[in-house]
Amino acid sequence: MNRILMQLSTALVLAVACVAATAQDTLPYKDGVVVLVTSVRTQPGKFNDYFRYLSGPFTQIMEEAKKQGIVTEYAFYGAQPQSPDDPDLYIVETYPNMATFDTITDKMSAISKKVFGSLKQADEADANREEIRKILGTQMIRKLEPVRTSTATE
């Protein structure tokens, strides 16, 4: 009987060790949404002009993109620049996953064409915005969702 208990105890310890080793061999997170943060510096006295574009055609484009599931949300954030090279505005766009970017060009081009009338008009409007703002850069970040794992202390 002692021998059987010893073998069962050993088997149990080995099973727990295998589960713990397997749990440690997986990532403690899963990939979440993808966020693009665009830093913008408007030209002096042109902030309201640029925001009119953002609240007009840009919002029309983003609302259609939301309807199609391309973006999940978007927002604008004002900032207090510390130097002439700092942004005074951030545009934040949230996408459901990285796979969205595999087909985004065609989908967003179709939406832009719908809003502006043609891709040529969309390109011209984009060129005109250079007079009122400068894009300082865009950063892509990804949300990491913690994966809950059970431990022996639970």
N, C-alpha and C. Protein backbone atom coordinates (compact mmCIF):
# COMPACT_ATOMS: atom_id res chain seq x y z
N MET A 1 0.82 -1.19 0.00
CA MET A 1 0.00 0.00 0.00
C MET A 1 0.87 1.26 0.00
N ASN A 2 1.94 1.25 0.79
CA ASN A 2 2.85 2.38 0.83
C ASN A 2 3.47 2.66 -0.54
N ARG A 3 3.80 1.58 -1.21
CA ARG A 3 4.42 1.70 -2.52
C ARG A 3 3.44 2.34 -3.53
N ILE A 4 2.19 1.97 -3.48
CA ILE A 4 1.17 2.52 -4.38
C ILE A 4 0.98 4.01 -4.09
N LEU A 5 0.92 4.37 -2.81
CA LEU A 5 0.79 5.79 -2.45
C LEU A 5 2.01 6.58 -2.92
N MET A 6 3.18 6.00 -2.80
CA MET A 6 4.41 6.67 -3.23
C MET A 6 4.37 6.88 -4.75
N GLN A 7 3.92 5.88 -5.51
CA GLN A 7 3.84 6.00 -6.96
C GLN A 7 2.78 7.04 -7.37
N LEU A 8 1.65 7.03 -6.68
CA LEU A 8 0.61 8.02 -6.97
C LEU A 8 1.10 9.44 -6.66
N SER A 9 1.80 9.59 -5.54
CA SER A 9 2.34 10.90 -5.16
C SER A 9 3.34 11.37 -6.20
N THR A 10 4.21 10.48 -6.65
CA THR A 10 5.20 10.82 -7.66
C THR A 10 4.52 11.21 -8.96
N ALA A 11 3.51 10.44 -9.37
CA ALA A 11 2.78 10.74 -10.59
C ALA A 11 2.09 12.10 -10.49
N LEU A 12 1.51 12.40 -9.34
CA LEU A 12 0.83 13.67 -9.14
C LEU A 12 1.82 14.83 -9.21
N VAL A 13 2.97 14.68 -8.58
CA VAL A 13 4.00 15.73 -8.62
C VAL A 13 4.47 15.96 -10.05
N LEU A 14 4.70 14.88 -10.80
CA LEU A 14 5.13 15.00 -12.19
C LEU A 14 4.05 15.68 -13.04
N ALA A 15 2.79 15.34 -12.81
CA ALA A 15 1.69 15.95 -13.57
C ALA A 15 1.61 17.44 -13.30
N VAL A 16 1.73 17.83 -12.04
CA VAL A 16 1.70 19.25 -11.67
C VAL A 16 2.89 19.98 -12.28
N ALA A 17 4.06 19.34 -12.26
CA ALA A 17 5.26 19.95 -12.85
C ALA A 17 5.10 20.14 -14.35
N CYS A 18 4.50 19.16 -15.02
CA CYS A 18 4.27 19.27 -16.47
C CYS A 18 3.31 20.41 -16.79
N VAL A 19 2.24 20.53 -16.01
CA VAL A 19 1.27 21.60 -16.23
C VAL A 19 1.94 22.95 -15.98
N ALA A 20 2.73 23.07 -14.94
CA ALA A 20 3.42 24.32 -14.64
C ALA A 20 4.41 24.67 -15.74
N ALA A 21 5.13 23.69 -16.25
CA ALA A 21 6.10 23.93 -17.32
C ALA A 21 5.39 24.36 -18.59
N THR A 22 4.25 23.73 -18.89
CA THR A 22 3.49 24.09 -20.08
C THR A 22 2.95 25.51 -19.94
N ALA A 23 2.44 25.86 -18.77
CA ALA A 23 1.90 27.19 -18.54
C ALA A 23 2.98 28.25 -18.68
N GLN A 24 4.20 27.95 -18.28
CA GLN A 24 5.28 28.91 -18.39
C GLN A 24 5.80 29.01 -19.82
N ASP A 25 5.44 28.08 -20.68
CA ASP A 25 5.92 28.08 -22.05
C ASP A 25 4.96 28.79 -23.00
N THR A 26 3.94 29.46 -22.47
CA THR A 26 3.01 30.23 -23.29
C THR A 26 3.15 31.70 -22.94
N LEU A 27 2.72 32.54 -23.85
CA LEU A 27 2.78 33.98 -23.60
C LEU A 27 1.77 34.38 -22.54
N PRO A 28 2.13 35.33 -21.69
CA PRO A 28 1.20 35.77 -20.65
C PRO A 28 0.21 36.83 -21.15
N TYR A 29 0.14 37.01 -22.45
CA TYR A 29 -0.77 37.99 -23.04
C TYR A 29 -1.22 37.51 -24.40
N LYS A 30 -2.29 38.14 -24.90
CA LYS A 30 -2.72 37.90 -26.27
C LYS A 30 -2.79 39.27 -26.95
N ASP A 31 -2.62 39.27 -28.27
CA ASP A 31 -2.65 40.51 -29.02
C ASP A 31 -4.04 41.10 -29.03
N GLY A 32 -4.12 42.42 -28.84
CA GLY A 32 -5.39 43.11 -28.85
C GLY A 32 -5.50 44.04 -30.04
N VAL A 33 -6.24 45.11 -29.86
CA VAL A 33 -6.47 46.07 -30.94
C VAL A 33 -5.18 46.77 -31.33
N VAL A 34 -5.19 47.34 -32.53
CA VAL A 34 -4.06 48.10 -33.04
C VAL A 34 -4.46 49.57 -33.06
N VAL A 35 -3.59 50.43 -32.54
CA VAL A 35 -3.90 51.86 -32.45
C VAL A 35 -2.85 52.65 -33.21
N LEU A 36 -3.32 53.55 -34.07
CA LEU A 36 -2.42 54.48 -34.75
C LEU A 36 -2.57 55.84 -34.08
N VAL A 37 -1.45 56.41 -33.67
CA VAL A 37 -1.44 57.73 -33.05
C VAL A 37 -0.64 58.65 -33.97
N THR A 38 -1.34 59.62 -34.56
CA THR A 38 -0.70 60.55 -35.48
C THR A 38 -0.49 61.88 -34.77
N SER A 39 0.76 62.34 -34.78
CA SER A 39 1.12 63.62 -34.17
C SER A 39 1.05 64.71 -35.24
N VAL A 40 0.32 65.77 -34.94
CA VAL A 40 0.10 66.85 -35.91
C VAL A 40 0.48 68.18 -35.29
N ARG A 41 1.11 69.03 -36.11
CA ARG A 41 1.36 70.41 -35.70
C ARG A 41 0.66 71.31 -36.71
N THR A 42 -0.34 72.04 -36.25
CA THR A 42 -1.03 72.95 -37.16
C THR A 42 -0.19 74.22 -37.33
N GLN A 43 -0.37 74.84 -38.49
CA GLN A 43 0.32 76.11 -38.76
C GLN A 43 -0.29 77.18 -37.86
N PRO A 44 0.48 78.21 -37.50
CA PRO A 44 -0.05 79.28 -36.63
C PRO A 44 -1.36 79.84 -37.19
N GLY A 45 -2.37 79.90 -36.34
CA GLY A 45 -3.66 80.45 -36.71
C GLY A 45 -4.52 79.52 -37.56
N LYS A 46 -4.08 78.27 -37.78
CA LYS A 46 -4.81 77.37 -38.67
C LYS A 46 -5.45 76.17 -37.95
N PHE A 47 -5.39 76.15 -36.63
CA PHE A 47 -5.93 75.01 -35.89
C PHE A 47 -7.41 74.80 -36.21
N ASN A 48 -8.21 75.87 -36.14
CA ASN A 48 -9.65 75.74 -36.39
C ASN A 48 -9.93 75.30 -37.82
N ASP A 49 -9.15 75.79 -38.79
CA ASP A 49 -9.32 75.37 -40.18
C ASP A 49 -9.10 73.86 -40.30
N TYR A 50 -8.05 73.38 -39.67
CA TYR A 50 -7.75 71.95 -39.77
C TYR A 50 -8.82 71.14 -39.04
N PHE A 51 -9.26 71.64 -37.89
CA PHE A 51 -10.28 70.89 -37.15
C PHE A 51 -11.60 70.85 -37.91
N ARG A 52 -11.88 71.86 -38.72
CA ARG A 52 -13.08 71.81 -39.57
C ARG A 52 -12.99 70.64 -40.54
N TYR A 53 -11.80 70.41 -41.10
CA TYR A 53 -11.61 69.25 -41.97
C TYR A 53 -11.82 67.95 -41.17
N LEU A 54 -11.21 67.89 -39.98
CA LEU A 54 -11.33 66.67 -39.16
C LEU A 54 -12.79 66.39 -38.80
N SER A 55 -13.54 67.42 -38.45
CA SER A 55 -14.93 67.22 -38.05
C SER A 55 -15.86 67.10 -39.25
N GLY A 56 -15.35 67.36 -40.45
CA GLY A 56 -16.14 67.23 -41.67
C GLY A 56 -15.78 65.98 -42.44
N PRO A 57 -15.00 66.12 -43.52
CA PRO A 57 -14.69 64.96 -44.37
C PRO A 57 -13.98 63.81 -43.64
N PHE A 58 -13.06 64.12 -42.76
CA PHE A 58 -12.35 63.05 -42.06
C PHE A 58 -13.34 62.23 -41.22
N THR A 59 -14.23 62.91 -40.51
CA THR A 59 -15.22 62.21 -39.70
C THR A 59 -16.17 61.39 -40.58
N GLN A 60 -16.53 61.91 -41.75
CA GLN A 60 -17.36 61.14 -42.67
C GLN A 60 -16.65 59.85 -43.08
N ILE A 61 -15.38 59.96 -43.39
CA ILE A 61 -14.59 58.78 -43.78
C ILE A 61 -14.53 57.78 -42.63
N MET A 62 -14.23 58.27 -41.45
CA MET A 62 -14.07 57.37 -40.30
C MET A 62 -15.40 56.73 -39.89
N GLU A 63 -16.49 57.46 -39.99
CA GLU A 63 -17.79 56.89 -39.65
C GLU A 63 -18.16 55.76 -40.62
N GLU A 64 -17.86 55.95 -41.90
CA GLU A 64 -18.11 54.89 -42.87
C GLU A 64 -17.19 53.70 -42.59
N ALA A 65 -15.94 53.98 -42.24
CA ALA A 65 -15.00 52.91 -41.90
C ALA A 65 -15.48 52.14 -40.67
N LYS A 66 -16.09 52.84 -39.71
CA LYS A 66 -16.67 52.15 -38.55
C LYS A 66 -17.82 51.24 -38.97
N LYS A 67 -18.69 51.74 -39.84
CA LYS A 67 -19.82 50.93 -40.31
C LYS A 67 -19.33 49.65 -40.98
N GLN A 68 -18.21 49.75 -41.68
CA GLN A 68 -17.67 48.60 -42.40
C GLN A 68 -16.78 47.72 -41.52
N GLY A 69 -16.57 48.12 -40.26
CA GLY A 69 -15.75 47.33 -39.36
C GLY A 69 -14.25 47.49 -39.56
N ILE A 70 -13.86 48.51 -40.30
CA ILE A 70 -12.42 48.76 -40.53
C ILE A 70 -11.79 49.36 -39.28
N VAL A 71 -12.46 50.34 -38.69
CA VAL A 71 -12.00 50.94 -37.44
C VAL A 71 -13.07 50.70 -36.37
N THR A 72 -12.62 50.65 -35.13
CA THR A 72 -13.58 50.49 -34.04
C THR A 72 -13.88 51.83 -33.36
N GLU A 73 -12.89 52.74 -33.39
CA GLU A 73 -13.11 54.07 -32.85
C GLU A 73 -12.01 55.01 -33.31
N TYR A 74 -12.26 56.29 -33.15
CA TYR A 74 -11.27 57.31 -33.47
C TYR A 74 -11.54 58.50 -32.56
N ALA A 75 -10.49 59.30 -32.34
CA ALA A 75 -10.65 60.46 -31.45
C ALA A 75 -9.56 61.48 -31.77
N PHE A 76 -9.79 62.70 -31.31
CA PHE A 76 -8.83 63.79 -31.47
C PHE A 76 -8.47 64.30 -30.08
N TYR A 77 -7.20 64.58 -29.87
CA TYR A 77 -6.72 65.09 -28.59
C TYR A 77 -5.87 66.33 -28.82
N GLY A 78 -6.25 67.41 -28.15
CA GLY A 78 -5.45 68.62 -28.20
C GLY A 78 -4.27 68.50 -27.25
N ALA A 79 -3.17 69.16 -27.57
CA ALA A 79 -1.97 69.11 -26.73
C ALA A 79 -1.37 70.50 -26.60
N GLN A 80 -0.62 70.69 -25.55
CA GLN A 80 0.09 71.94 -25.33
C GLN A 80 1.55 71.74 -25.73
N PRO A 81 1.94 72.18 -26.92
CA PRO A 81 3.32 71.95 -27.37
C PRO A 81 4.33 72.71 -26.52
N GLN A 82 5.46 72.09 -26.29
CA GLN A 82 6.53 72.70 -25.51
C GLN A 82 7.55 73.42 -26.38
N SER A 83 7.55 73.06 -27.68
CA SER A 83 8.46 73.70 -28.63
C SER A 83 7.78 73.74 -30.00
N PRO A 84 8.35 74.47 -30.96
CA PRO A 84 7.74 74.53 -32.30
C PRO A 84 7.70 73.18 -33.01
N ASP A 85 8.47 72.23 -32.55
CA ASP A 85 8.49 70.91 -33.18
C ASP A 85 7.58 69.89 -32.51
N ASP A 86 6.83 70.31 -31.50
CA ASP A 86 5.93 69.41 -30.79
C ASP A 86 4.53 69.48 -31.39
N PRO A 87 3.77 68.38 -31.31
CA PRO A 87 2.40 68.39 -31.82
C PRO A 87 1.47 69.23 -30.94
N ASP A 88 0.45 69.77 -31.59
CA ASP A 88 -0.61 70.43 -30.84
C ASP A 88 -1.92 69.66 -30.97
N LEU A 89 -1.84 68.51 -31.68
CA LEU A 89 -3.02 67.69 -31.90
C LEU A 89 -2.59 66.25 -32.14
N TYR A 90 -3.35 65.33 -31.60
CA TYR A 90 -3.15 63.90 -31.86
C TYR A 90 -4.43 63.33 -32.44
N ILE A 91 -4.27 62.53 -33.48
CA ILE A 91 -5.40 61.80 -34.06
C ILE A 91 -5.17 60.34 -33.70
N VAL A 92 -6.14 59.73 -33.03
CA VAL A 92 -5.99 58.36 -32.55
C VAL A 92 -7.06 57.49 -33.22
N GLU A 93 -6.61 56.47 -33.94
CA GLU A 93 -7.51 55.56 -34.64
C GLU A 93 -7.29 54.15 -34.10
N THR A 94 -8.37 53.44 -33.81
CA THR A 94 -8.28 52.09 -33.27
C THR A 94 -8.84 51.10 -34.30
N TYR A 95 -8.04 50.08 -34.58
CA TYR A 95 -8.40 49.03 -35.54
C TYR A 95 -8.54 47.71 -34.80
N PRO A 96 -9.44 46.84 -35.25
CA PRO A 96 -9.70 45.61 -34.49
C PRO A 96 -8.51 44.66 -34.39
N ASN A 97 -7.66 44.61 -35.41
CA ASN A 97 -6.52 43.70 -35.40
C ASN A 97 -5.57 44.05 -36.53
N MET A 98 -4.42 43.39 -36.57
CA MET A 98 -3.42 43.67 -37.59
C MET A 98 -3.88 43.21 -38.98
N ALA A 99 -4.73 42.20 -39.04
CA ALA A 99 -5.22 41.69 -40.33
C ALA A 99 -5.99 42.76 -41.10
N THR A 100 -6.55 43.71 -40.40
CA THR A 100 -7.30 44.80 -41.03
C THR A 100 -6.43 45.51 -42.08
N PHE A 101 -5.14 45.60 -41.81
CA PHE A 101 -4.25 46.35 -42.69
C PHE A 101 -3.95 45.62 -43.99
N ASP A 102 -4.31 44.35 -44.09
CA ASP A 102 -4.08 43.60 -45.32
C ASP A 102 -4.95 44.11 -46.47
N THR A 103 -6.12 44.64 -46.15
CA THR A 103 -7.05 45.08 -47.20
C THR A 103 -7.47 46.53 -47.05
N ILE A 104 -6.79 47.27 -46.20
CA ILE A 104 -7.26 48.62 -45.86
C ILE A 104 -7.13 49.62 -47.01
N THR A 105 -6.11 49.49 -47.85
CA THR A 105 -5.90 50.49 -48.91
C THR A 105 -7.10 50.56 -49.85
N ASP A 106 -7.52 49.42 -50.35
CA ASP A 106 -8.66 49.41 -51.28
C ASP A 106 -9.94 49.89 -50.60
N LYS A 107 -10.17 49.45 -49.39
CA LYS A 107 -11.40 49.83 -48.69
C LYS A 107 -11.44 51.32 -48.38
N MET A 108 -10.33 51.87 -47.88
CA MET A 108 -10.31 53.29 -47.54
C MET A 108 -10.32 54.16 -48.80
N SER A 109 -9.71 53.68 -49.88
CA SER A 109 -9.76 54.42 -51.15
C SER A 109 -11.20 54.53 -51.64
N ALA A 110 -11.95 53.45 -51.53
CA ALA A 110 -13.36 53.47 -51.95
C ALA A 110 -14.16 54.46 -51.10
N ILE A 111 -13.87 54.49 -49.81
CA ILE A 111 -14.58 55.43 -48.92
C ILE A 111 -14.20 56.86 -49.27
N SER A 112 -12.90 57.13 -49.47
CA SER A 112 -12.45 58.49 -49.82
C SER A 112 -13.08 58.94 -51.13
N LYS A 113 -13.16 58.04 -52.08
CA LYS A 113 -13.77 58.36 -53.38
C LYS A 113 -15.23 58.75 -53.18
N LYS A 114 -15.91 58.03 -52.30
CA LYS A 114 -17.32 58.31 -52.02
C LYS A 114 -17.48 59.70 -51.37
N VAL A 115 -16.59 60.03 -50.43
CA VAL A 115 -16.69 61.31 -49.70
C VAL A 115 -16.27 62.49 -50.58
N PHE A 116 -15.17 62.34 -51.33
CA PHE A 116 -14.62 63.46 -52.10
C PHE A 116 -15.11 63.50 -53.55
N GLY A 117 -15.72 62.44 -54.06
CA GLY A 117 -16.19 62.41 -55.43
C GLY A 117 -15.27 61.64 -56.36
N SER A 118 -13.97 61.69 -56.10
CA SER A 118 -13.00 60.93 -56.89
C SER A 118 -11.71 60.83 -56.10
N LEU A 119 -10.86 59.90 -56.49
CA LEU A 119 -9.56 59.79 -55.82
C LEU A 119 -8.69 60.99 -56.12
N LYS A 120 -8.83 61.56 -57.32
CA LYS A 120 -8.06 62.76 -57.67
C LYS A 120 -8.44 63.91 -56.74
N GLN A 121 -9.74 64.10 -56.50
CA GLN A 121 -10.18 65.16 -55.60
C GLN A 121 -9.71 64.89 -54.17
N ALA A 122 -9.69 63.63 -53.76
CA ALA A 122 -9.20 63.27 -52.43
C ALA A 122 -7.71 63.61 -52.32
N ASP A 123 -6.94 63.31 -53.37
CA ASP A 123 -5.50 63.63 -53.37
C ASP A 123 -5.27 65.14 -53.33
N GLU A 124 -6.07 65.88 -54.06
CA GLU A 124 -5.93 67.34 -54.07
C GLU A 124 -6.26 67.92 -52.69
N ALA A 125 -7.29 67.41 -52.06
CA ALA A 125 -7.66 67.88 -50.72
C ALA A 125 -6.53 67.57 -49.74
N ASP A 126 -5.92 66.40 -49.89
CA ASP A 126 -4.80 66.02 -49.02
C ASP A 126 -3.63 66.98 -49.20
N ALA A 127 -3.32 67.32 -50.44
CA ALA A 127 -2.23 68.25 -50.72
C ALA A 127 -2.53 69.63 -50.13
N ASN A 128 -3.78 70.06 -50.21
CA ASN A 128 -4.16 71.37 -49.66
C ASN A 128 -4.01 71.43 -48.15
N ARG A 129 -4.18 70.31 -47.47
CA ARG A 129 -4.06 70.30 -46.00
C ARG A 129 -2.62 70.55 -45.55
N GLU A 130 -1.66 70.32 -46.43
CA GLU A 130 -0.26 70.57 -46.08
C GLU A 130 -0.03 72.05 -45.75
N GLU A 131 -0.88 72.93 -46.28
CA GLU A 131 -0.75 74.36 -46.01
C GLU A 131 -1.18 74.73 -44.60
N ILE A 132 -1.98 73.88 -43.97
CA ILE A 132 -2.51 74.24 -42.65
C ILE A 132 -1.99 73.35 -41.52
N ARG A 133 -1.32 72.25 -41.88
CA ARG A 133 -0.79 71.37 -40.82
C ARG A 133 0.40 70.57 -41.35
N LYS A 134 1.16 70.08 -40.39
CA LYS A 134 2.31 69.22 -40.71
C LYS A 134 2.17 67.94 -39.88
N ILE A 135 2.24 66.80 -40.56
CA ILE A 135 2.22 65.52 -39.84
C ILE A 135 3.64 65.28 -39.32
N LEU A 136 3.78 65.19 -38.00
CA LEU A 136 5.10 64.98 -37.39
C LEU A 136 5.48 63.51 -37.36
N GLY A 137 4.48 62.64 -37.40
CA GLY A 137 4.76 61.21 -37.39
C GLY A 137 3.55 60.43 -36.94
N THR A 138 3.60 59.15 -37.21
CA THR A 138 2.54 58.24 -36.80
C THR A 138 3.17 57.04 -36.12
N GLN A 139 2.64 56.68 -34.98
CA GLN A 139 3.14 55.52 -34.25
C GLN A 139 2.04 54.48 -34.17
N MET A 140 2.42 53.23 -34.46
CA MET A 140 1.49 52.12 -34.33
C MET A 140 1.80 51.41 -33.01
N ILE A 141 0.77 51.26 -32.20
CA ILE A 141 0.93 50.54 -30.94
C ILE A 141 -0.14 49.45 -30.88
N ARG A 142 0.13 48.44 -30.08
CA ARG A 142 -0.80 47.32 -29.98
C ARG A 142 -1.12 47.04 -28.53
N LYS A 143 -2.39 46.88 -28.25
CA LYS A 143 -2.82 46.55 -26.90
C LYS A 143 -2.47 45.10 -26.61
N LEU A 144 -1.94 44.85 -25.44
CA LEU A 144 -1.64 43.49 -25.00
C LEU A 144 -2.61 43.14 -23.88
N GLU A 145 -3.39 42.11 -24.11
CA GLU A 145 -4.40 41.67 -23.14
C GLU A 145 -3.80 40.59 -22.25
N PRO A 146 -3.72 40.81 -20.93
CA PRO A 146 -3.17 39.77 -20.06
C PRO A 146 -4.00 38.48 -20.14
N VAL A 147 -3.31 37.37 -20.14
CA VAL A 147 -3.97 36.07 -20.12
C VAL A 147 -3.96 35.59 -18.69
N ARG A 148 -5.13 35.33 -18.19
CA ARG A 148 -5.25 34.88 -16.79
C ARG A 148 -4.88 33.40 -16.74
N THR A 149 -3.96 33.09 -15.88
CA THR A 149 -3.57 31.71 -15.69
C THR A 149 -3.82 31.35 -14.24
N SER A 150 -4.22 30.11 -14.02
CA SER A 150 -4.44 29.69 -12.63
C SER A 150 -3.11 29.24 -12.05
N THR A 151 -2.97 29.45 -10.77
CA THR A 151 -1.75 29.04 -10.07
C THR A 151 -2.13 28.10 -8.95
N ALA A 152 -1.13 27.45 -8.42
CA ALA A 152 -1.36 26.48 -7.35
C ALA A 152 -1.90 27.18 -6.09
N THR A 153 -1.69 28.51 -5.95
CA THR A 153 -2.13 29.19 -4.75
C THR A 153 -3.59 29.62 -4.81
N GLU A 154 -4.23 29.44 -5.95
CA GLU A 154 -5.64 29.84 -6.06
C GLU A 154 -6.54 28.79 -5.51
